[in-house]
Amino acid sequence: MTDLRDSIATVPPWAYFLGTAVLTTLLAAQLTALLQPDPSLRAVFATGAAFGVLFAAAMTAVLVLMRRREQARIGHLSRGQLIDVTRALRTGEPAADPGLDTATLAQARHRRDQLHVARRRNPWLYGALAALGVLNAVLNDAPGWYLETALFLVLIVLTFVSTPRALARLDALETAVQARSPAA
């Protein structure tokens, strides 16, 4: 049975574009209506649509680029096979098909590299954004910015908690795959 997370990981680019365009158009239109004094309905929808389409186009281009790099790394797999590899990475249990072991190990190595970079850089990024939130709250006398600071502090804690868990899951997956097929 296909999980929603698996479906999102393998969604076609056109569907990703449409979904992202609709959501960002609605959010941008709402934000425009809130921030502009007495906005016209035409300006709200024009701003929302322009931002929604441009943002969706940029994110879809990034998605296509990532999928091409993935395909170069693991080869061309069917949607079902991609779902199996994605599920194996998420759960830490190898795919039922031993033919996917090479692709699973390649994706696990790539994911491990991503996690190492995130573990080094994300706390610094979140810490800087938290410091900017405190600075903004103090300079503008706006206590709402402390919520932003709290959010980024929670993200720092989540980085330190979730990254070792994800690395342990990848270790378990690689051990299970290599035990099943030592040549992979």
C-alpha atoms as a PDB file:
ATOM      1  CA  MET A   1       0.000   0.000   0.000  1.00  0.00           C
ATOM      2  CA  THR A   2       1.339   3.390  -0.989  1.00  0.00           C
ATOM      3  CA  ASP A   3       1.751   5.881   1.822  1.00  0.00           C
ATOM      4  CA  LEU A   4       1.089   9.598   1.282  1.00  0.00           C
ATOM      5  CA  ARG A   5       4.784  10.322   1.926  1.00  0.00           C
ATOM      6  CA  ASP A   6       5.715   7.867  -0.834  1.00  0.00           C
ATOM      7  CA  SER A   7       3.273   9.473  -3.243  1.00  0.00           C
ATOM      8  CA  ILE A   8       4.662  12.934  -2.547  1.00  0.00           C
ATOM      9  CA  ALA A   9       8.234  11.686  -3.042  1.00  0.00           C
ATOM     10  CA  THR A  10       7.353  10.383  -6.510  1.00  0.00           C
ATOM     11  CA  VAL A  11       4.759  12.929  -7.662  1.00  0.00           C
ATOM     12  CA  PRO A  12       5.065  13.961 -11.321  1.00  0.00           C
ATOM     13  CA  PRO A  13       6.515  17.447 -11.870  1.00  0.00           C
ATOM     14  CA  TRP A  14       3.324  18.807 -13.463  1.00  0.00           C
ATOM     15  CA  ALA A  15       1.283  17.783 -10.403  1.00  0.00           C
ATOM     16  CA  TYR A  16       3.909  19.262  -8.097  1.00  0.00           C
ATOM     17  CA  PHE A  17       3.767  22.518 -10.067  1.00  0.00           C
ATOM     18  CA  LEU A  18      -0.029  22.707  -9.921  1.00  0.00           C
ATOM     19  CA  GLY A  19      -0.223  21.931  -6.214  1.00  0.00           C
ATOM     20  CA  THR A  20       2.529  24.379  -5.334  1.00  0.00           C
ATOM     21  CA  ALA A  21       1.058  27.095  -7.572  1.00  0.00           C
ATOM     22  CA  VAL A  22      -2.395  26.799  -6.024  1.00  0.00           C
ATOM     23  CA  LEU A  23      -1.113  26.815  -2.439  1.00  0.00           C
ATOM     24  CA  THR A  24       1.352  29.663  -2.880  1.00  0.00           C
ATOM     25  CA  THR A  25      -1.162  31.715  -4.882  1.00  0.00           C
ATOM     26  CA  LEU A  26      -3.677  31.447  -2.059  1.00  0.00           C
ATOM     27  CA  LEU A  27      -1.094  32.238   0.599  1.00  0.00           C
ATOM     28  CA  ALA A  28       0.379  35.173  -1.312  1.00  0.00           C
ATOM     29  CA  ALA A  29      -3.079  36.593  -2.027  1.00  0.00           C
ATOM     30  CA  GLN A  30      -3.988  36.314   1.658  1.00  0.00           C
ATOM     31  CA  LEU A  31      -0.731  37.955   2.700  1.00  0.00           C
ATOM     32  CA  THR A  32      -1.241  40.751   0.164  1.00  0.00           C
ATOM     33  CA  ALA A  33      -4.759  41.356   1.474  1.00  0.00           C
ATOM     34  CA  LEU A  34      -3.450  41.530   5.044  1.00  0.00           C
ATOM     35  CA  LEU A  35      -0.459  43.788   4.388  1.00  0.00           C
ATOM     36  CA  GLN A  36      -1.861  46.323   1.916  1.00  0.00           C
ATOM     37  CA  PRO A  37      -4.079  49.090   3.230  1.00  0.00           C
ATOM     38  CA  ASP A  38      -7.441  48.812   1.413  1.00  0.00           C
ATOM     39  CA  PRO A  39      -6.308  46.527  -1.446  1.00  0.00           C
ATOM     40  CA  SER A  40      -8.374  45.984  -4.561  1.00  0.00           C
ATOM     41  CA  LEU A  41      -9.503  42.465  -5.297  1.00  0.00           C
ATOM     42  CA  ARG A  42      -7.745  42.568  -8.670  1.00  0.00           C
ATOM     43  CA  ALA A  43      -4.406  43.545  -7.071  1.00  0.00           C
ATOM     44  CA  VAL A  44      -4.731  40.784  -4.468  1.00  0.00           C
ATOM     45  CA  PHE A  45      -5.337  38.074  -7.064  1.00  0.00           C
ATOM     46  CA  ALA A  46      -2.763  39.439  -9.524  1.00  0.00           C
ATOM     47  CA  THR A  47      -0.057  39.544  -6.855  1.00  0.00           C
ATOM     48  CA  GLY A  48      -1.018  36.126  -5.543  1.00  0.00           C
ATOM     49  CA  ALA A  49      -1.107  34.556  -9.004  1.00  0.00           C
ATOM     50  CA  ALA A  50       2.193  36.098 -10.091  1.00  0.00           C
ATOM     51  CA  PHE A  51       4.016  35.009  -6.955  1.00  0.00           C
ATOM     52  CA  GLY A  52       2.334  31.589  -6.965  1.00  0.00           C
ATOM     53  CA  VAL A  53       3.295  30.783 -10.545  1.00  0.00           C
ATOM     54  CA  LEU A  54       6.856  32.097 -10.250  1.00  0.00           C
ATOM     55  CA  PHE A  55       7.491  30.282  -6.964  1.00  0.00           C
ATOM     56  CA  ALA A  56       5.958  27.044  -8.293  1.00  0.00           C
ATOM     57  CA  ALA A  57       8.063  27.261 -11.464  1.00  0.00           C
ATOM     58  CA  ALA A  58      11.255  27.736  -9.439  1.00  0.00           C
ATOM     59  CA  MET A  59      10.450  24.869  -7.051  1.00  0.00           C
ATOM     60  CA  THR A  60       9.481  22.566  -9.915  1.00  0.00           C
ATOM     61  CA  ALA A  61      12.772  23.337 -11.657  1.00  0.00           C
ATOM     62  CA  VAL A  62      14.627  22.404  -8.455  1.00  0.00           C
ATOM     63  CA  LEU A  63      12.568  19.182  -8.205  1.00  0.00           C
ATOM     64  CA  VAL A  64      13.376  18.221 -11.796  1.00  0.00           C
ATOM     65  CA  LEU A  65      17.075  18.911 -11.219  1.00  0.00           C
ATOM     66  CA  MET A  66      17.104  16.762  -8.061  1.00  0.00           C
ATOM     67  CA  ARG A  67      15.301  13.928  -9.857  1.00  0.00           C
ATOM     68  CA  ARG A  68      17.784  14.025 -12.748  1.00  0.00           C
ATOM     69  CA  ARG A  69      20.684  13.816 -10.310  1.00  0.00           C
ATOM     70  CA  GLU A  70      18.937  10.957  -8.532  1.00  0.00           C
ATOM     71  CA  GLN A  71      18.403   9.148 -11.814  1.00  0.00           C
ATOM     72  CA  ALA A  72      22.092   9.574 -12.708  1.00  0.00           C
ATOM     73  CA  ARG A  73      23.021   8.162  -9.292  1.00  0.00           C
ATOM     74  CA  ILE A  74      20.686   5.158  -9.138  1.00  0.00           C
ATOM     75  CA  GLY A  75      19.565   4.599 -12.718  1.00  0.00           C
ATOM     76  CA  HIS A  76      16.085   4.720 -14.183  1.00  0.00           C
ATOM     77  CA  LEU A  77      13.599   3.026 -11.867  1.00  0.00           C
ATOM     78  CA  SER A  78       9.863   2.654 -12.187  1.00  0.00           C
ATOM     79  CA  ARG A  79       7.588   4.602  -9.847  1.00  0.00           C
ATOM     80  CA  GLY A  80       6.965   1.467  -7.782  1.00  0.00           C
ATOM     81  CA  GLN A  81      10.683   0.814  -7.444  1.00  0.00           C
ATOM     82  CA  LEU A  82      11.302   4.445  -6.416  1.00  0.00           C
ATOM     83  CA  ILE A  83       8.599   4.078  -3.784  1.00  0.00           C
ATOM     84  CA  ASP A  84      10.291   0.921  -2.477  1.00  0.00           C
ATOM     85  CA  VAL A  85      13.692   2.671  -2.262  1.00  0.00           C
ATOM     86  CA  THR A  86      12.157   5.742  -0.610  1.00  0.00           C
ATOM     87  CA  ARG A  87      10.303   3.577   1.907  1.00  0.00           C
ATOM     88  CA  ALA A  88      13.492   1.639   2.676  1.00  0.00           C
ATOM     89  CA  LEU A  89      15.346   4.889   3.412  1.00  0.00           C
ATOM     90  CA  ARG A  90      12.513   6.147   5.600  1.00  0.00           C
ATOM     91  CA  THR A  91      11.982   2.961   7.609  1.00  0.00           C
ATOM     92  CA  GLY A  92      15.495   1.512   7.695  1.00  0.00           C
ATOM     93  CA  GLU A  93      14.292  -1.853   6.334  1.00  0.00           C
ATOM     94  CA  PRO A  94      15.508  -3.085   2.949  1.00  0.00           C
ATOM     95  CA  ALA A  95      13.145  -3.317  -0.010  1.00  0.00           C
ATOM     96  CA  ALA A  96      11.637  -6.718  -0.699  1.00  0.00           C
ATOM     97  CA  ASP A  97      13.275  -6.827  -4.133  1.00  0.00           C
ATOM     98  CA  PRO A  98      17.021  -7.602  -3.802  1.00  0.00           C
ATOM     99  CA  GLY A  99      17.514  -6.032  -7.233  1.00  0.00           C
ATOM    100  CA  LEU A 100      17.039  -2.624  -5.600  1.00  0.00           C
ATOM    101  CA  ASP A 101      19.929  -3.087  -3.178  1.00  0.00           C
ATOM    102  CA  THR A 102      22.460  -1.171  -5.282  1.00  0.00           C
ATOM    103  CA  ALA A 103      20.053   1.761  -5.740  1.00  0.00           C
ATOM    104  CA  THR A 104      19.158   1.700  -2.048  1.00  0.00           C
ATOM    105  CA  LEU A 105      22.817   1.792  -0.994  1.00  0.00           C
ATOM    106  CA  ALA A 106      23.552   4.651  -3.418  1.00  0.00           C
ATOM    107  CA  GLN A 107      20.626   6.655  -2.057  1.00  0.00           C
ATOM    108  CA  ALA A 108      21.649   5.851   1.527  1.00  0.00           C
ATOM    109  CA  ARG A 109      25.171   7.171   0.891  1.00  0.00           C
ATOM    110  CA  HIS A 110      23.745  10.345  -0.620  1.00  0.00           C
ATOM    111  CA  ARG A 111      21.290  10.805   2.260  1.00  0.00           C
ATOM    112  CA  ARG A 112      24.119  10.270   4.752  1.00  0.00           C
ATOM    113  CA  ASP A 113      26.124  13.048   3.085  1.00  0.00           C
ATOM    114  CA  GLN A 114      23.077  15.339   3.256  1.00  0.00           C
ATOM    115  CA  LEU A 115      22.584  14.584   6.942  1.00  0.00           C
ATOM    116  CA  HIS A 116      26.232  15.296   7.768  1.00  0.00           C
ATOM    117  CA  VAL A 117      26.009  18.685   6.045  1.00  0.00           C
ATOM    118  CA  ALA A 118      22.712  19.455   7.807  1.00  0.00           C
ATOM    119  CA  ARG A 119      24.149  18.476  11.179  1.00  0.00           C
ATOM    120  CA  ARG A 120      27.040  20.915  10.702  1.00  0.00           C
ATOM    121  CA  ARG A 121      25.243  23.868   9.102  1.00  0.00           C
ATOM    122  CA  ASN A 122      21.638  23.900  10.314  1.00  0.00           C
ATOM    123  CA  PRO A 123      22.337  24.799  13.963  1.00  0.00           C
ATOM    124  CA  TRP A 124      24.375  27.809  12.812  1.00  0.00           C
ATOM    125  CA  LEU A 125      21.666  28.899  10.396  1.00  0.00           C
ATOM    126  CA  TYR A 126      18.878  28.463  12.948  1.00  0.00           C
ATOM    127  CA  GLY A 127      20.961  30.183  15.635  1.00  0.00           C
ATOM    128  CA  ALA A 128      21.561  33.186  13.382  1.00  0.00           C
ATOM    129  CA  LEU A 129      17.859  33.408  12.544  1.00  0.00           C
ATOM    130  CA  ALA A 130      16.974  33.142  16.247  1.00  0.00           C
ATOM    131  CA  ALA A 131      19.417  35.956  17.034  1.00  0.00           C
ATOM    132  CA  LEU A 132      17.817  38.092  14.317  1.00  0.00           C
ATOM    133  CA  GLY A 133      14.415  37.358  15.852  1.00  0.00           C
ATOM    134  CA  VAL A 134      15.583  38.538  19.272  1.00  0.00           C
ATOM    135  CA  LEU A 135      17.187  41.613  17.716  1.00  0.00           C
ATOM    136  CA  ASN A 136      14.000  42.423  15.827  1.00  0.00           C
ATOM    137  CA  ALA A 137      11.891  41.933  18.968  1.00  0.00           C
ATOM    138  CA  VAL A 138      14.116  44.229  21.014  1.00  0.00           C
ATOM    139  CA  LEU A 139      14.598  46.963  18.399  1.00  0.00           C
ATOM    140  CA  ASN A 140      10.983  47.096  17.265  1.00  0.00           C
ATOM    141  CA  ASP A 141       9.435  46.412  20.667  1.00  0.00           C
ATOM    142  CA  ALA A 142       7.485  43.563  19.065  1.00  0.00           C
ATOM    143  CA  PRO A 143       7.232  40.578  21.416  1.00  0.00           C
ATOM    144  CA  GLY A 144       5.750  38.437  18.625  1.00  0.00           C
ATOM    145  CA  TRP A 145       9.257  37.973  17.260  1.00  0.00           C
ATOM    146  CA  TYR A 146      10.108  35.907  20.333  1.00  0.00           C
ATOM    147  CA  LEU A 147       7.862  33.212  18.841  1.00  0.00           C
ATOM    148  CA  GLU A 148      10.140  33.120  15.812  1.00  0.00           C
ATOM    149  CA  THR A 149      13.120  32.810  18.124  1.00  0.00           C
ATOM    150  CA  ALA A 150      11.446  29.941  19.985  1.00  0.00           C
ATOM    151  CA  LEU A 151      10.706  28.206  16.670  1.00  0.00           C
ATOM    152  CA  PHE A 152      14.344  28.351  15.594  1.00  0.00           C
ATOM    153  CA  LEU A 153      15.541  27.140  18.996  1.00  0.00           C
ATOM    154  CA  VAL A 154      13.179  24.155  18.672  1.00  0.00           C
ATOM    155  CA  LEU A 155      14.611  23.505  15.199  1.00  0.00           C
ATOM    156  CA  ILE A 156      18.133  23.472  16.661  1.00  0.00           C
ATOM    157  CA  VAL A 157      17.058  20.838  19.203  1.00  0.00           C
ATOM    158  CA  LEU A 158      15.307  18.820  16.488  1.00  0.00           C
ATOM    159  CA  THR A 159      18.469  18.889  14.389  1.00  0.00           C
ATOM    160  CA  PHE A 160      20.488  17.433  17.248  1.00  0.00           C
ATOM    161  CA  VAL A 161      17.827  14.805  17.997  1.00  0.00           C
ATOM    162  CA  SER A 162      16.622  13.734  14.553  1.00  0.00           C
ATOM    163  CA  THR A 163      19.935  13.598  12.684  1.00  0.00           C
ATOM    164  CA  PRO A 164      21.479  10.812  14.812  1.00  0.00           C
ATOM    165  CA  ARG A 165      18.216   8.870  14.564  1.00  0.00           C
ATOM    166  CA  ALA A 166      18.205   9.161  10.780  1.00  0.00           C
ATOM    167  CA  LEU A 167      21.873   8.140  10.618  1.00  0.00           C
ATOM    168  CA  ALA A 168      21.140   5.105  12.824  1.00  0.00           C
ATOM    169  CA  ARG A 169      18.271   4.161  10.507  1.00  0.00           C
ATOM    170  CA  LEU A 170      20.621   4.395   7.519  1.00  0.00           C
ATOM    171  CA  ASP A 171      23.227   2.267   9.343  1.00  0.00           C
ATOM    172  CA  ALA A 172      20.597  -0.401  10.000  1.00  0.00           C
ATOM    173  CA  LEU A 173      19.477  -0.302   6.373  1.00  0.00           C
ATOM    174  CA  GLU A 174      23.006  -0.579   4.997  1.00  0.00           C
ATOM    175  CA  THR A 175      23.825  -3.449   7.370  1.00  0.00           C
ATOM    176  CA  ALA A 176      20.667  -5.338   6.370  1.00  0.00           C
ATOM    177  CA  VAL A 177      21.250  -4.801   2.656  1.00  0.00           C
ATOM    178  CA  GLN A 178      24.910  -5.809   2.837  1.00  0.00           C
ATOM    179  CA  ALA A 179      24.059  -8.895   4.890  1.00  0.00           C
ATOM    180  CA  ARG A 180      21.493  -9.925   2.286  1.00  0.00           C
ATOM    181  CA  SER A 181      23.723  -9.350  -0.744  1.00  0.00           C
ATOM    182  CA  PRO A 182      27.406  -8.798   0.151  1.00  0.00           C
ATOM    183  CA  ALA A 183      28.258  -7.912  -3.468  1.00  0.00           C
ATOM    184  CA  ALA A 184      26.001  -4.807  -3.421  1.00  0.00           C
END
